[in-house]
Each structure stands twice: as C-alpha cells, then as structure tokens.
mmCIF file of all heavy atoms, coordinates in Angstrom:
data_MODEL
# 
_entry.id   MODEL 
# 
loop_
_atom_site.group_PDB 
_atom_site.id 
_atom_site.type_symbol 
_atom_site.label_atom_id 
_atom_site.label_alt_id 
_atom_site.label_comp_id 
_atom_site.label_asym_id 
_atom_site.label_entity_id 
_atom_site.label_seq_id 
_atom_site.pdbx_PDB_ins_code 
_atom_site.Cartn_x 
_atom_site.Cartn_y 
_atom_site.Cartn_z 
_atom_site.occupancy 
_atom_site.B_iso_or_equiv 
_atom_site.pdbx_formal_charge 
_atom_site.auth_seq_id 
_atom_site.auth_comp_id 
_atom_site.auth_asym_id 
_atom_site.auth_atom_id 
_atom_site.pdbx_PDB_model_num 
ATOM 1   N N   . LEU A 1 1  ? 0.832  -1.206 0.000   1.00 0.00 ? 1  LEU A N   1 
ATOM 2   C CA  . LEU A 1 1  ? 0.000  0.000  0.000   1.00 0.00 ? 1  LEU A CA  1 
ATOM 3   C C   . LEU A 1 1  ? 0.866  1.254  0.000   1.00 0.00 ? 1  LEU A C   1 
ATOM 4   O O   . LEU A 1 1  ? 0.533  2.246  -0.657  1.00 0.00 ? 1  LEU A O   1 
ATOM 5   C CB  . LEU A 1 1  ? -0.932 -0.005 1.214   1.00 0.00 ? 1  LEU A CB  1 
ATOM 6   C CG  . LEU A 1 1  ? -2.012 -1.083 1.224   1.00 0.00 ? 1  LEU A CG  1 
ATOM 7   C CD1 . LEU A 1 1  ? -2.777 -1.067 2.546   1.00 0.00 ? 1  LEU A CD1 1 
ATOM 8   C CD2 . LEU A 1 1  ? -2.986 -0.881 0.060   1.00 0.00 ? 1  LEU A CD2 1 
ATOM 9   N N   . ASP A 1 2  ? 1.991  1.210  0.733   1.00 0.00 ? 2  ASP A N   1 
ATOM 10  C CA  . ASP A 1 2  ? 2.928  2.335  0.738   1.00 0.00 ? 2  ASP A CA  1 
ATOM 11  C C   . ASP A 1 2  ? 3.423  2.625  -0.676  1.00 0.00 ? 2  ASP A C   1 
ATOM 12  O O   . ASP A 1 2  ? 3.478  3.782  -1.113  1.00 0.00 ? 2  ASP A O   1 
ATOM 13  C CB  . ASP A 1 2  ? 4.135  2.027  1.637   1.00 0.00 ? 2  ASP A CB  1 
ATOM 14  C CG  . ASP A 1 2  ? 3.888  2.422  3.081   1.00 0.00 ? 2  ASP A CG  1 
ATOM 15  O OD1 . ASP A 1 2  ? 2.833  3.025  3.360   1.00 0.00 ? 2  ASP A OD1 1 
ATOM 16  O OD2 . ASP A 1 2  ? 4.736  2.110  3.935   1.00 0.00 ? 2  ASP A OD2 1 
ATOM 17  N N   . LYS A 1 3  ? 3.803  1.557  -1.387  1.00 0.00 ? 3  LYS A N   1 
ATOM 18  C CA  . LYS A 1 3  ? 4.319  1.730  -2.745  1.00 0.00 ? 3  LYS A CA  1 
ATOM 19  C C   . LYS A 1 3  ? 3.263  2.343  -3.659  1.00 0.00 ? 3  LYS A C   1 
ATOM 20  O O   . LYS A 1 3  ? 3.538  3.271  -4.428  1.00 0.00 ? 3  LYS A O   1 
ATOM 21  C CB  . LYS A 1 3  ? 4.769  0.385  -3.313  1.00 0.00 ? 3  LYS A CB  1 
ATOM 22  C CG  . LYS A 1 3  ? 6.060  -0.156 -2.711  1.00 0.00 ? 3  LYS A CG  1 
ATOM 23  C CD  . LYS A 1 3  ? 6.434  -1.481 -3.364  1.00 0.00 ? 3  LYS A CD  1 
ATOM 24  C CE  . LYS A 1 3  ? 7.710  -2.047 -2.772  1.00 0.00 ? 3  LYS A CE  1 
ATOM 25  N NZ  . LYS A 1 3  ? 8.061  -3.345 -3.393  1.00 0.00 ? 3  LYS A NZ  1 
ATOM 26  N N   . MET A 1 4  ? 2.027  1.810  -3.584  1.00 0.00 ? 4  MET A N   1 
ATOM 27  C CA  . MET A 1 4  ? 0.956  2.331  -4.425  1.00 0.00 ? 4  MET A CA  1 
ATOM 28  C C   . MET A 1 4  ? 0.655  3.789  -4.094  1.00 0.00 ? 4  MET A C   1 
ATOM 29  O O   . MET A 1 4  ? 0.449  4.617  -4.983  1.00 0.00 ? 4  MET A O   1 
ATOM 30  C CB  . MET A 1 4  ? -0.298 1.477  -4.234  1.00 0.00 ? 4  MET A CB  1 
ATOM 31  C CG  . MET A 1 4  ? -0.186 0.073  -4.789  1.00 0.00 ? 4  MET A CG  1 
ATOM 32  S SD  . MET A 1 4  ? -1.605 -0.957 -4.314  1.00 0.00 ? 4  MET A SD  1 
ATOM 33  C CE  . MET A 1 4  ? -2.951 -0.050 -5.061  1.00 0.00 ? 4  MET A CE  1 
ATOM 34  N N   . PHE A 1 5  ? 0.646  4.081  -2.791  1.00 0.00 ? 5  PHE A N   1 
ATOM 35  C CA  . PHE A 1 5  ? 0.349  5.450  -2.360  1.00 0.00 ? 5  PHE A CA  1 
ATOM 36  C C   . PHE A 1 5  ? 1.388  6.427  -2.896  1.00 0.00 ? 5  PHE A C   1 
ATOM 37  O O   . PHE A 1 5  ? 1.052  7.465  -3.468  1.00 0.00 ? 5  PHE A O   1 
ATOM 38  C CB  . PHE A 1 5  ? 0.313  5.504  -0.831  1.00 0.00 ? 5  PHE A CB  1 
ATOM 39  C CG  . PHE A 1 5  ? 0.196  6.906  -0.279  1.00 0.00 ? 5  PHE A CG  1 
ATOM 40  C CD1 . PHE A 1 5  ? -1.004 7.588  -0.362  1.00 0.00 ? 5  PHE A CD1 1 
ATOM 41  C CD2 . PHE A 1 5  ? 1.286  7.527  0.307   1.00 0.00 ? 5  PHE A CD2 1 
ATOM 42  C CE1 . PHE A 1 5  ? -1.117 8.882  0.128   1.00 0.00 ? 5  PHE A CE1 1 
ATOM 43  C CE2 . PHE A 1 5  ? 1.185  8.815  0.802   1.00 0.00 ? 5  PHE A CE2 1 
ATOM 44  C CZ  . PHE A 1 5  ? -0.022 9.494  0.711   1.00 0.00 ? 5  PHE A CZ  1 
ATOM 45  N N   . LEU A 1 6  ? 2.661  6.085  -2.739  1.00 0.00 ? 6  LEU A N   1 
ATOM 46  C CA  . LEU A 1 6  ? 3.725  6.995  -3.155  1.00 0.00 ? 6  LEU A CA  1 
ATOM 47  C C   . LEU A 1 6  ? 3.820  7.115  -4.674  1.00 0.00 ? 6  LEU A C   1 
ATOM 48  O O   . LEU A 1 6  ? 4.059  8.195  -5.201  1.00 0.00 ? 6  LEU A O   1 
ATOM 49  C CB  . LEU A 1 6  ? 5.061  6.543  -2.571  1.00 0.00 ? 6  LEU A CB  1 
ATOM 50  C CG  . LEU A 1 6  ? 5.154  6.666  -1.045  1.00 0.00 ? 6  LEU A CG  1 
ATOM 51  C CD1 . LEU A 1 6  ? 6.445  6.038  -0.537  1.00 0.00 ? 6  LEU A CD1 1 
ATOM 52  C CD2 . LEU A 1 6  ? 5.062  8.123  -0.612  1.00 0.00 ? 6  LEU A CD2 1 
ATOM 53  N N   . ARG A 1 7  ? 3.596  6.024  -5.384  1.00 0.00 ? 7  ARG A N   1 
ATOM 54  C CA  . ARG A 1 7  ? 3.621  6.096  -6.848  1.00 0.00 ? 7  ARG A CA  1 
ATOM 55  C C   . ARG A 1 7  ? 2.518  7.016  -7.355  1.00 0.00 ? 7  ARG A C   1 
ATOM 56  O O   . ARG A 1 7  ? 2.724  7.809  -8.274  1.00 0.00 ? 7  ARG A O   1 
ATOM 57  C CB  . ARG A 1 7  ? 3.463  4.700  -7.448  1.00 0.00 ? 7  ARG A CB  1 
ATOM 58  C CG  . ARG A 1 7  ? 4.705  3.832  -7.315  1.00 0.00 ? 7  ARG A CG  1 
ATOM 59  C CD  . ARG A 1 7  ? 4.430  2.409  -7.739  1.00 0.00 ? 7  ARG A CD  1 
ATOM 60  N NE  . ARG A 1 7  ? 5.602  1.563  -7.550  1.00 0.00 ? 7  ARG A NE  1 
ATOM 61  C CZ  . ARG A 1 7  ? 5.587  0.231  -7.671  1.00 0.00 ? 7  ARG A CZ  1 
ATOM 62  N NH1 . ARG A 1 7  ? 4.460  -0.386 -7.990  1.00 0.00 ? 7  ARG A NH1 1 
ATOM 63  N NH2 . ARG A 1 7  ? 6.689  -0.471 -7.477  1.00 0.00 ? 7  ARG A NH2 1 
ATOM 64  N N   . GLY A 1 8  ? 1.332  6.890  -6.742  1.00 0.00 ? 8  GLY A N   1 
ATOM 65  C CA  . GLY A 1 8  ? 0.225  7.753  -7.150  1.00 0.00 ? 8  GLY A CA  1 
ATOM 66  C C   . GLY A 1 8  ? 0.453  9.196  -6.760  1.00 0.00 ? 8  GLY A C   1 
ATOM 67  O O   . GLY A 1 8  ? 0.127  10.116 -7.519  1.00 0.00 ? 8  GLY A O   1 
ATOM 68  N N   . LEU A 1 9  ? 1.015  9.415  -5.592  1.00 0.00 ? 9  LEU A N   1 
ATOM 69  C CA  . LEU A 1 9  ? 1.229  10.777 -5.100  1.00 0.00 ? 9  LEU A CA  1 
ATOM 70  C C   . LEU A 1 9  ? 2.303  11.495 -5.904  1.00 0.00 ? 9  LEU A C   1 
ATOM 71  O O   . LEU A 1 9  ? 2.165  12.674 -6.247  1.00 0.00 ? 9  LEU A O   1 
ATOM 72  C CB  . LEU A 1 9  ? 1.639  10.741 -3.626  1.00 0.00 ? 9  LEU A CB  1 
ATOM 73  C CG  . LEU A 1 9  ? 1.848  12.103 -2.944  1.00 0.00 ? 9  LEU A CG  1 
ATOM 74  C CD1 . LEU A 1 9  ? 0.537  12.885 -2.924  1.00 0.00 ? 9  LEU A CD1 1 
ATOM 75  C CD2 . LEU A 1 9  ? 2.367  11.912 -1.531  1.00 0.00 ? 9  LEU A CD2 1 
ATOM 76  N N   . LEU A 1 10 ? 3.393  10.789 -6.202  1.00 0.00 ? 10 LEU A N   1 
ATOM 77  C CA  . LEU A 1 10 ? 4.479  11.414 -6.944  1.00 0.00 ? 10 LEU A CA  1 
ATOM 78  C C   . LEU A 1 10 ? 4.124  11.625 -8.406  1.00 0.00 ? 10 LEU A C   1 
ATOM 79  O O   . LEU A 1 10 ? 4.648  12.514 -9.056  1.00 0.00 ? 10 LEU A O   1 
ATOM 80  C CB  . LEU A 1 10 ? 5.757  10.576 -6.830  1.00 0.00 ? 10 LEU A CB  1 
ATOM 81  C CG  . LEU A 1 10 ? 6.257  10.346 -5.403  1.00 0.00 ? 10 LEU A CG  1 
ATOM 82  C CD1 . LEU A 1 10 ? 7.564  9.590  -5.411  1.00 0.00 ? 10 LEU A CD1 1 
ATOM 83  C CD2 . LEU A 1 10 ? 6.421  11.658 -4.651  1.00 0.00 ? 10 LEU A CD2 1 
ATOM 84  N N   . GLY A 1 11 ? 3.189  10.779 -8.903  1.00 0.00 ? 11 GLY A N   1 
ATOM 85  C CA  . GLY A 1 11 ? 2.668  10.985 -10.247 1.00 0.00 ? 11 GLY A CA  1 
ATOM 86  C C   . GLY A 1 11 ? 3.644  10.596 -11.347 1.00 0.00 ? 11 GLY A C   1 
ATOM 87  O O   . GLY A 1 11 ? 4.853  10.503 -11.143 1.00 0.00 ? 11 GLY A O   1 
ATOM 88  N N   . GLU A 1 12 ? 3.082  10.343 -12.499 1.00 0.00 ? 12 GLU A N   1 
ATOM 89  C CA  . GLU A 1 12 ? 3.884  10.088 -13.698 1.00 0.00 ? 12 GLU A CA  1 
ATOM 90  C C   . GLU A 1 12 ? 3.347  10.981 -14.808 1.00 0.00 ? 12 GLU A C   1 
ATOM 91  O O   . GLU A 1 12 ? 2.173  11.322 -14.841 1.00 0.00 ? 12 GLU A O   1 
ATOM 92  C CB  . GLU A 1 12 ? 3.785  8.610  -14.127 1.00 0.00 ? 12 GLU A CB  1 
ATOM 93  C CG  . GLU A 1 12 ? 4.332  7.626  -13.112 1.00 0.00 ? 12 GLU A CG  1 
ATOM 94  C CD  . GLU A 1 12 ? 5.841  7.676  -12.973 1.00 0.00 ? 12 GLU A CD  1 
ATOM 95  O OE1 . GLU A 1 12 ? 6.466  8.473  -13.710 1.00 0.00 ? 12 GLU A OE1 1 
ATOM 96  O OE2 . GLU A 1 12 ? 6.380  6.937  -12.140 1.00 0.00 ? 12 GLU A OE2 1 
ATOM 97  N N   . SER A 1 13 ? 4.195  11.355 -15.724 1.00 0.00 ? 13 SER A N   1 
ATOM 98  C CA  . SER A 1 13 ? 3.771  12.220 -16.819 1.00 0.00 ? 13 SER A CA  1 
ATOM 99  C C   . SER A 1 13 ? 2.815  11.486 -17.745 1.00 0.00 ? 13 SER A C   1 
ATOM 100 O O   . SER A 1 13 ? 2.816  10.255 -17.838 1.00 0.00 ? 13 SER A O   1 
ATOM 101 C CB  . SER A 1 13 ? 4.991  12.688 -17.620 1.00 0.00 ? 13 SER A CB  1 
ATOM 102 O OG  . SER A 1 13 ? 5.574  11.592 -18.309 1.00 0.00 ? 13 SER A OG  1 
ATOM 103 N N   . ASP A 1 14 ? 1.993  12.265 -18.486 1.00 0.00 ? 14 ASP A N   1 
ATOM 104 C CA  . ASP A 1 14 ? 1.082  11.661 -19.464 1.00 0.00 ? 14 ASP A CA  1 
ATOM 105 C C   . ASP A 1 14 ? 1.857  10.862 -20.506 1.00 0.00 ? 14 ASP A C   1 
ATOM 106 O O   . ASP A 1 14 ? 1.440  9.795  -20.945 1.00 0.00 ? 14 ASP A O   1 
ATOM 107 C CB  . ASP A 1 14 ? 0.254  12.757 -20.158 1.00 0.00 ? 14 ASP A CB  1 
ATOM 108 C CG  . ASP A 1 14 ? -0.746 13.408 -19.219 1.00 0.00 ? 14 ASP A CG  1 
ATOM 109 O OD1 . ASP A 1 14 ? -1.055 12.796 -18.183 1.00 0.00 ? 14 ASP A OD1 1 
ATOM 110 O OD2 . ASP A 1 14 ? -1.215 14.519 -19.512 1.00 0.00 ? 14 ASP A OD2 1 
ATOM 111 N N   . GLU A 1 15 ? 3.024  11.412 -20.914 1.00 0.00 ? 15 GLU A N   1 
ATOM 112 C CA  . GLU A 1 15 ? 3.846  10.733 -21.912 1.00 0.00 ? 15 GLU A CA  1 
ATOM 113 C C   . GLU A 1 15 ? 4.305  9.376  -21.395 1.00 0.00 ? 15 GLU A C   1 
ATOM 114 O O   . GLU A 1 15 ? 4.273  8.387  -22.122 1.00 0.00 ? 15 GLU A O   1 
ATOM 115 C CB  . GLU A 1 15 ? 5.060  11.596 -22.256 1.00 0.00 ? 15 GLU A CB  1 
ATOM 116 C CG  . GLU A 1 15 ? 5.967  10.980 -23.321 1.00 0.00 ? 15 GLU A CG  1 
ATOM 117 C CD  . GLU A 1 15 ? 7.173  11.859 -23.620 1.00 0.00 ? 15 GLU A CD  1 
ATOM 118 O OE1 . GLU A 1 15 ? 7.262  12.958 -23.052 1.00 0.00 ? 15 GLU A OE1 1 
ATOM 119 O OE2 . GLU A 1 15 ? 8.020  11.420 -24.415 1.00 0.00 ? 15 GLU A OE2 1 
ATOM 120 N N   . TYR A 1 16 ? 4.699  9.310  -20.113 1.00 0.00 ? 16 TYR A N   1 
ATOM 121 C CA  . TYR A 1 16 ? 5.152  8.047  -19.522 1.00 0.00 ? 16 TYR A CA  1 
ATOM 122 C C   . TYR A 1 16 ? 4.008  7.034  -19.537 1.00 0.00 ? 16 TYR A C   1 
ATOM 123 O O   . TYR A 1 16 ? 4.182  5.882  -19.924 1.00 0.00 ? 16 TYR A O   1 
ATOM 124 C CB  . TYR A 1 16 ? 5.625  8.296  -18.088 1.00 0.00 ? 16 TYR A CB  1 
ATOM 125 C CG  . TYR A 1 16 ? 6.024  7.043  -17.335 1.00 0.00 ? 16 TYR A CG  1 
ATOM 126 C CD1 . TYR A 1 16 ? 7.330  6.569  -17.393 1.00 0.00 ? 16 TYR A CD1 1 
ATOM 127 C CD2 . TYR A 1 16 ? 5.099  6.327  -16.580 1.00 0.00 ? 16 TYR A CD2 1 
ATOM 128 C CE1 . TYR A 1 16 ? 7.709  5.415  -16.720 1.00 0.00 ? 16 TYR A CE1 1 
ATOM 129 C CE2 . TYR A 1 16 ? 5.466  5.173  -15.902 1.00 0.00 ? 16 TYR A CE2 1 
ATOM 130 C CZ  . TYR A 1 16 ? 6.768  4.735  -15.972 1.00 0.00 ? 16 TYR A CZ  1 
ATOM 131 O OH  . TYR A 1 16 ? 7.125  3.588  -15.297 1.00 0.00 ? 16 TYR A OH  1 
ATOM 132 N N   . ILE A 1 17 ? 2.819  7.484  -19.133 1.00 0.00 ? 17 ILE A N   1 
ATOM 133 C CA  . ILE A 1 17 ? 1.656  6.584  -19.078 1.00 0.00 ? 17 ILE A CA  1 
ATOM 134 C C   . ILE A 1 17 ? 1.278  6.107  -20.465 1.00 0.00 ? 17 ILE A C   1 
ATOM 135 O O   . ILE A 1 17 ? 0.993  4.934  -20.694 1.00 0.00 ? 17 ILE A O   1 
ATOM 136 C CB  . ILE A 1 17 ? 0.465  7.298  -18.402 1.00 0.00 ? 17 ILE A CB  1 
ATOM 137 C CG1 . ILE A 1 17 ? 0.807  7.576  -16.929 1.00 0.00 ? 17 ILE A CG1 1 
ATOM 138 C CG2 . ILE A 1 17 ? -0.803 6.463  -18.493 1.00 0.00 ? 17 ILE A CG2 1 
ATOM 139 C CD1 . ILE A 1 17 ? -0.196 8.454  -16.218 1.00 0.00 ? 17 ILE A CD1 1 
ATOM 140 N N   . GLU A 1 18 ? 1.299  7.043  -21.443 1.00 0.00 ? 18 GLU A N   1 
ATOM 141 C CA  . GLU A 1 18 ? 0.948  6.670  -22.816 1.00 0.00 ? 18 GLU A CA  1 
ATOM 142 C C   . GLU A 1 18 ? 1.928  5.640  -23.357 1.00 0.00 ? 18 GLU A C   1 
ATOM 143 O O   . GLU A 1 18 ? 1.536  4.672  -24.011 1.00 0.00 ? 18 GLU A O   1 
ATOM 144 C CB  . GLU A 1 18 ? 0.938  7.916  -23.699 1.00 0.00 ? 18 GLU A CB  1 
ATOM 145 C CG  . GLU A 1 18 ? -0.260 8.826  -23.420 1.00 0.00 ? 18 GLU A CG  1 
ATOM 146 C CD  . GLU A 1 18 ? -0.124 10.164 -24.122 1.00 0.00 ? 18 GLU A CD  1 
ATOM 147 O OE1 . GLU A 1 18 ? 0.864  10.326 -24.874 1.00 0.00 ? 18 GLU A OE1 1 
ATOM 148 O OE2 . GLU A 1 18 ? -0.996 11.029 -23.923 1.00 0.00 ? 18 GLU A OE2 1 
ATOM 149 N N   . ASN A 1 19 ? 3.214  5.827  -23.076 1.00 0.00 ? 19 ASN A N   1 
ATOM 150 C CA  . ASN A 1 19 ? 4.221  4.878  -23.550 1.00 0.00 ? 19 ASN A CA  1 
ATOM 151 C C   . ASN A 1 19 ? 4.020  3.506  -22.928 1.00 0.00 ? 19 ASN A C   1 
ATOM 152 O O   . ASN A 1 19 ? 4.245  2.475  -23.565 1.00 0.00 ? 19 ASN A O   1 
ATOM 153 C CB  . ASN A 1 19 ? 5.628  5.392  -23.232 1.00 0.00 ? 19 ASN A CB  1 
ATOM 154 C CG  . ASN A 1 19 ? 6.025  6.562  -24.115 1.00 0.00 ? 19 ASN A CG  1 
ATOM 155 O OD1 . ASN A 1 19 ? 5.491  6.731  -25.208 1.00 0.00 ? 19 ASN A OD1 1 
ATOM 156 N ND2 . ASN A 1 19 ? 6.954  7.371  -23.641 1.00 0.00 ? 19 ASN A ND2 1 
ATOM 157 N N   . LYS A 1 20 ? 3.612  3.495  -21.649 1.00 0.00 ? 20 LYS A N   1 
ATOM 158 C CA  . LYS A 1 20 ? 3.415  2.233  -20.949 1.00 0.00 ? 20 LYS A CA  1 
ATOM 159 C C   . LYS A 1 20 ? 2.188  1.496  -21.440 1.00 0.00 ? 20 LYS A C   1 
ATOM 160 O O   . LYS A 1 20 ? 2.086  0.281  -21.321 1.00 0.00 ? 20 LYS A O   1 
ATOM 161 C CB  . LYS A 1 20 ? 3.286  2.487  -19.439 1.00 0.00 ? 20 LYS A CB  1 
ATOM 162 C CG  . LYS A 1 20 ? 4.598  2.771  -18.733 1.00 0.00 ? 20 LYS A CG  1 
ATOM 163 C CD  . LYS A 1 20 ? 5.486  1.527  -18.702 1.00 0.00 ? 20 LYS A CD  1 
ATOM 164 C CE  . LYS A 1 20 ? 6.753  1.750  -17.913 1.00 0.00 ? 20 LYS A CE  1 
ATOM 165 N NZ  . LYS A 1 20 ? 7.609  0.553  -17.886 1.00 0.00 ? 20 LYS A NZ  1 
ATOM 166 N N   . THR A 1 21 ? 1.200  2.253  -21.964 1.00 0.00 ? 21 THR A N   1 
ATOM 167 C CA  . THR A 1 21 ? -0.062 1.633  -22.365 1.00 0.00 ? 21 THR A CA  1 
ATOM 168 C C   . THR A 1 21 ? -0.211 1.440  -23.855 1.00 0.00 ? 21 THR A C   1 
ATOM 169 O O   . THR A 1 21 ? -1.214 0.947  -24.330 1.00 0.00 ? 21 THR A O   1 
ATOM 170 C CB  . THR A 1 21 ? -1.248 2.482  -21.851 1.00 0.00 ? 21 THR A CB  1 
ATOM 171 O OG1 . THR A 1 21 ? -1.092 3.831  -22.336 1.00 0.00 ? 21 THR A OG1 1 
ATOM 172 C CG2 . THR A 1 21 ? -1.297 2.509  -20.351 1.00 0.00 ? 21 THR A CG2 1 
ATOM 173 N N   . LYS A 1 22 ? 0.805  1.874  -24.650 1.00 0.00 ? 22 LYS A N   1 
ATOM 174 C CA  . LYS A 1 22 ? 0.737  1.677  -26.099 1.00 0.00 ? 22 LYS A CA  1 
ATOM 175 C C   . LYS A 1 22 ? 0.775  0.197  -26.449 1.00 0.00 ? 22 LYS A C   1 
ATOM 176 O O   . LYS A 1 22 ? 1.590  -0.542 -25.901 1.00 0.00 ? 22 LYS A O   1 
ATOM 177 C CB  . LYS A 1 22 ? 1.925  2.380  -26.783 1.00 0.00 ? 22 LYS A CB  1 
ATOM 178 C CG  . LYS A 1 22 ? 1.730  3.873  -26.974 1.00 0.00 ? 22 LYS A CG  1 
ATOM 179 C CD  . LYS A 1 22 ? 2.935  4.464  -27.689 1.00 0.00 ? 22 LYS A CD  1 
ATOM 180 C CE  . LYS A 1 22 ? 2.778  5.959  -27.884 1.00 0.00 ? 22 LYS A CE  1 
ATOM 181 N NZ  . LYS A 1 22 ? 3.984  6.545  -28.510 1.00 0.00 ? 22 LYS A NZ  1 
ATOM 182 N N   . PRO A 1 23 ? -0.100 -0.264 -27.359 1.00 0.00 ? 23 PRO A N   1 
ATOM 183 C CA  . PRO A 1 23 ? -0.048 -1.676 -27.747 1.00 0.00 ? 23 PRO A CA  1 
ATOM 184 C C   . PRO A 1 23 ? 1.223  -1.953 -28.545 1.00 0.00 ? 23 PRO A C   1 
ATOM 185 O O   . PRO A 1 23 ? 1.747  -1.092 -29.259 1.00 0.00 ? 23 PRO A O   1 
ATOM 186 C CB  . PRO A 1 23 ? -1.278 -1.817 -28.662 1.00 0.00 ? 23 PRO A CB  1 
ATOM 187 C CG  . PRO A 1 23 ? -1.557 -0.422 -29.169 1.00 0.00 ? 23 PRO A CG  1 
ATOM 188 C CD  . PRO A 1 23 ? -1.148 0.488  -28.050 1.00 0.00 ? 23 PRO A CD  1 
ATOM 189 N N   . GLU A 1 24 ? 1.764  -3.133 -28.355 1.00 0.00 ? 24 GLU A N   1 
ATOM 190 C CA  . GLU A 1 24 ? 2.984  -3.493 -29.084 1.00 0.00 ? 24 GLU A CA  1 
ATOM 191 C C   . GLU A 1 24 ? 2.668  -3.658 -30.560 1.00 0.00 ? 24 GLU A C   1 
ATOM 192 O O   . GLU A 1 24 ? 1.592  -4.126 -30.941 1.00 0.00 ? 24 GLU A O   1 
ATOM 193 C CB  . GLU A 1 24 ? 3.540  -4.797 -28.516 1.00 0.00 ? 24 GLU A CB  1 
ATOM 194 C CG  . GLU A 1 24 ? 4.042  -4.672 -27.088 1.00 0.00 ? 24 GLU A CG  1 
ATOM 195 C CD  . GLU A 1 24 ? 4.652  -5.967 -26.614 1.00 0.00 ? 24 GLU A CD  1 
ATOM 196 O OE1 . GLU A 1 24 ? 4.740  -6.907 -27.426 1.00 0.00 ? 24 GLU A OE1 1 
ATOM 197 O OE2 . GLU A 1 24 ? 5.046  -6.055 -25.436 1.00 0.00 ? 24 GLU A OE2 1 
ATOM 198 N N   . LYS A 1 25 ? 3.643  -3.252 -31.416 1.00 0.00 ? 25 LYS A N   1 
ATOM 199 C CA  . LYS A 1 25 ? 3.452  -3.377 -32.858 1.00 0.00 ? 25 LYS A CA  1 
ATOM 200 C C   . LYS A 1 25 ? 3.523  -4.843 -33.255 1.00 0.00 ? 25 LYS A C   1 
ATOM 201 O O   . LYS A 1 25 ? 4.312  -5.604 -32.725 1.00 0.00 ? 25 LYS A O   1 
ATOM 202 C CB  . LYS A 1 25 ? 4.557  -2.591 -33.589 1.00 0.00 ? 25 LYS A CB  1 
ATOM 203 C CG  . LYS A 1 25 ? 4.447  -1.093 -33.404 1.00 0.00 ? 25 LYS A CG  1 
ATOM 204 C CD  . LYS A 1 25 ? 5.546  -0.385 -34.186 1.00 0.00 ? 25 LYS A CD  1 
ATOM 205 C CE  . LYS A 1 25 ? 5.451  1.125  -34.031 1.00 0.00 ? 25 LYS A CE  1 
ATOM 206 N NZ  . LYS A 1 25 ? 6.516  1.819  -34.795 1.00 0.00 ? 25 LYS A NZ  1 
ATOM 207 N N   . GLU A 1 26 ? 2.649  -5.179 -34.194 1.00 0.00 ? 26 GLU A N   1 
ATOM 208 C CA  . GLU A 1 26 ? 2.668  -6.544 -34.692 1.00 0.00 ? 26 GLU A CA  1 
ATOM 209 C C   . GLU A 1 26 ? 3.880  -6.738 -35.574 1.00 0.00 ? 26 GLU A C   1 
ATOM 210 O O   . GLU A 1 26 ? 4.285  -5.861 -36.319 1.00 0.00 ? 26 GLU A O   1 
ATOM 211 C CB  . GLU A 1 26 ? 1.396  -6.810 -35.502 1.00 0.00 ? 26 GLU A CB  1 
ATOM 212 C CG  . GLU A 1 26 ? 0.141  -6.805 -34.621 1.00 0.00 ? 26 GLU A CG  1 
ATOM 213 C CD  . GLU A 1 26 ? -1.088 -7.168 -35.428 1.00 0.00 ? 26 GLU A CD  1 
ATOM 214 O OE1 . GLU A 1 26 ? -0.916 -7.534 -36.619 1.00 0.00 ? 26 GLU A OE1 1 
ATOM 215 O OE2 . GLU A 1 26 ? -2.189 -7.116 -34.890 1.00 0.00 ? 26 GLU A OE2 1 
ATOM 216 N N   . ILE A 1 27 ? 4.474  -7.912 -35.447 1.00 0.00 ? 27 ILE A N   1 
ATOM 217 C CA  . ILE A 1 27 ? 5.668  -8.221 -36.253 1.00 0.00 ? 27 ILE A CA  1 
ATOM 218 C C   . ILE A 1 27 ? 5.233  -8.938 -37.519 1.00 0.00 ? 27 ILE A C   1 
ATOM 219 O O   . ILE A 1 27 ? 4.444  -9.861 -37.476 1.00 0.00 ? 27 ILE A O   1 
ATOM 220 C CB  . ILE A 1 27 ? 6.651  -9.125 -35.445 1.00 0.00 ? 27 ILE A CB  1 
ATOM 221 C CG1 . ILE A 1 27 ? 7.106  -8.350 -34.204 1.00 0.00 ? 27 ILE A CG1 1 
ATOM 222 C CG2 . ILE A 1 27 ? 7.843  -9.519 -36.304 1.00 0.00 ? 27 ILE A CG2 1 
ATOM 223 C CD1 . ILE A 1 27 ? 7.987  -9.159 -33.291 1.00 0.00 ? 27 ILE A CD1 1 
# 
C-alpha cells in the first residue's frame, strides 16, 4: 500500500503513461 500510495502521489507524466499503455506493434 505504501508503494501504491507513493507512486500515485508522486505521479507520472502523461507521456510516460501513454508509452506504458501503447499496444505493441505486430511483427
């Protein structure tokens, strides 16, 4: 819970989130 709390509080940029959620390209 500490980890989740601090990750949410410190925040991540929209670009970071978008990169993490982009679907992988088909090969």
